[in-house]
C-alpha cells in the first residue's frame, strides 16, 4: 500500500487519500490492494468501489445499485471527496444496509 501512496506528487492529496482510507475503515469498509495502483473497497462482503492514486488527484469509481459503474471521479480536495461520497459512496452503502435484494 505504501508504494501506491508514493505515486502521489501532491502531499495535500496524499494526506487527503490517507484520511479517506481511515474514514472508510471506521465505517467497516475493507480495503484490498489489487493490480497496479488500484485498490478495491468492500462493504458487507460486496465490492462496491475502486480508487487509484494519480499524481495530483485520486480516481474513484463506485458501483451503482443498478449494477453499472459510475464514471471515474477525480478527487483532489476535501470538498470533491465529500461530494463524491454523498453522491455515490454513501448511497451504495445505504443500498447495502437495506439489503441488496431490496428495491433501491
Protein backbone atom coordinates (compact mmCIF):
# COMPACT_ATOMS: atom_id res chain seq x y z
CA UNK A 1 0.00 0.00 0.00
CA UNK A 2 2.90 2.32 0.73
CA UNK A 3 4.13 2.03 -2.89
CA UNK A 4 0.73 3.20 -4.06
CA UNK A 5 1.00 6.22 -1.74
CA UNK A 6 4.41 7.09 -3.13
CA UNK A 7 2.85 7.69 -6.55
CA UNK A 8 1.27 10.96 -5.39
CA UNK A 9 3.26 14.10 -6.15
CA UNK A 10 0.97 16.31 -4.08
CA UNK A 11 1.43 15.97 -0.32
CA UNK A 12 -2.03 17.51 0.24
CA UNK A 13 -3.71 14.91 -1.94
CA UNK A 14 -1.69 12.08 -0.35
CA UNK A 15 -2.80 13.27 3.10
CA UNK A 16 -6.42 13.52 1.92
CA UNK A 17 -6.23 9.99 0.48
CA UNK A 18 -4.87 8.61 3.78
CA UNK A 19 -7.62 10.44 5.65
CA UNK A 20 -10.27 8.98 3.33
CA UNK A 21 -8.90 5.46 3.88
CA UNK A 22 -9.06 5.98 7.65
CA UNK A 23 -12.62 7.35 7.45
CA UNK A 24 -13.77 4.40 5.36
CA UNK A 25 -12.15 1.97 7.81
CA UNK A 26 -14.28 3.43 10.63
CA UNK A 27 -17.35 2.60 8.52
CA UNK A 28 -16.28 -1.08 8.30
CA UNK A 29 -15.16 -0.75 4.68
CA UNK A 30 -12.50 -3.32 3.84
CA UNK A 31 -9.58 -2.18 1.68
CA UNK A 32 -7.91 -4.67 -0.68
CA UNK A 33 -4.97 -3.55 -2.82
CA UNK A 34 -5.14 -5.04 -6.32
CA UNK A 35 -3.14 -4.71 -9.55
CA UNK A 36 -1.17 -1.59 -10.41
CA UNK A 37 -2.21 1.43 -8.40
CA UNK A 38 -5.82 0.30 -7.96
CA UNK A 39 -7.43 -0.55 -4.63
CA UNK A 40 -10.79 -2.28 -4.22
CA UNK A 41 -13.22 -1.44 -1.43
CA UNK A 42 -15.68 -3.91 0.09
CA UNK A 43 -18.69 -3.36 2.32
CA UNK A 44 -20.83 -6.14 3.77
CA UNK A 45 -18.99 -8.66 1.62
CA UNK A 46 -19.57 -6.83 -1.66
CA UNK A 47 -17.04 -4.97 -3.78
CA UNK A 48 -18.52 -1.56 -4.46
CA UNK A 49 -15.69 0.86 -5.21
CA UNK A 50 -12.23 1.24 -6.71
CA UNK A 51 -9.72 4.02 -6.09
CA UNK A 52 -6.31 4.73 -7.54
CA UNK A 53 -3.74 7.37 -6.70
CA UNK A 54 -2.67 9.61 -9.57
CA UNK A 55 -0.04 12.34 -9.47
CA UNK A 56 -2.20 15.22 -8.23
CA UNK A 57 -5.57 13.57 -7.56
CA UNK A 58 -7.07 10.16 -6.95
CA UNK A 59 -9.63 8.42 -9.11
CA UNK A 60 -12.81 6.99 -7.59
CA UNK A 61 -15.22 4.64 -9.31
CA UNK A 62 -18.35 3.43 -7.50
CA UNK A 63 -20.88 0.74 -8.30
CA UNK A 64 -24.48 1.92 -8.63
CA UNK A 65 -27.40 -0.06 -7.19
CA UNK A 66 -28.44 -0.97 -10.76
CA UNK A 67 -25.16 -2.87 -11.19
CA UNK A 68 -23.46 -0.36 -13.50
CA UNK A 69 -20.30 1.52 -12.61
CA UNK A 70 -20.39 5.31 -12.35
CA UNK A 71 -17.73 7.05 -14.41
CA UNK A 72 -14.45 7.81 -12.72
CA UNK A 73 -14.43 10.87 -10.49
CA UNK A 74 -11.24 12.88 -9.93
CA UNK A 75 -10.72 13.93 -6.31
CA UNK A 76 -8.08 16.40 -5.16
CA UNK A 77 -9.86 18.35 -2.40
CA UNK A 78 -11.91 17.55 0.70
CA UNK A 79 -14.96 19.17 -0.94
CA UNK A 80 -14.63 16.95 -4.03
CA UNK A 81 -14.38 13.85 -1.82
CA UNK A 82 -17.40 14.85 0.27
CA UNK A 83 -19.39 15.42 -2.91
CA UNK A 84 -18.36 12.03 -4.36
CA UNK A 85 -19.04 10.35 -1.03
CA UNK A 86 -22.56 11.78 -0.70
CA UNK A 87 -23.43 11.36 -4.38
CA UNK A 88 -22.19 7.80 -4.86
CA UNK A 89 -20.44 6.07 -1.95
CA UNK A 90 -22.95 6.75 0.83
CA UNK A 91 -25.85 5.90 -1.48
CA UNK A 92 -24.41 2.49 -2.31
CA UNK A 93 -23.57 1.77 1.32
CA UNK A 94 -27.17 2.65 2.28
CA UNK A 95 -28.39 0.37 -0.50
CA UNK A 96 -26.37 -2.48 1.03
CA UNK A 97 -27.63 -1.59 4.51
CA UNK A 98 -31.21 -2.05 3.31
CA UNK A 99 -30.21 -5.31 1.68
CA UNK A 100 -29.04 -5.64 -1.90
CA UNK A 101 -32.22 -7.55 -2.78
CA UNK A 102 -34.47 -4.68 -1.69
CA UNK A 103 -35.58 -2.12 -4.26
CA UNK A 104 -33.27 0.93 -4.49
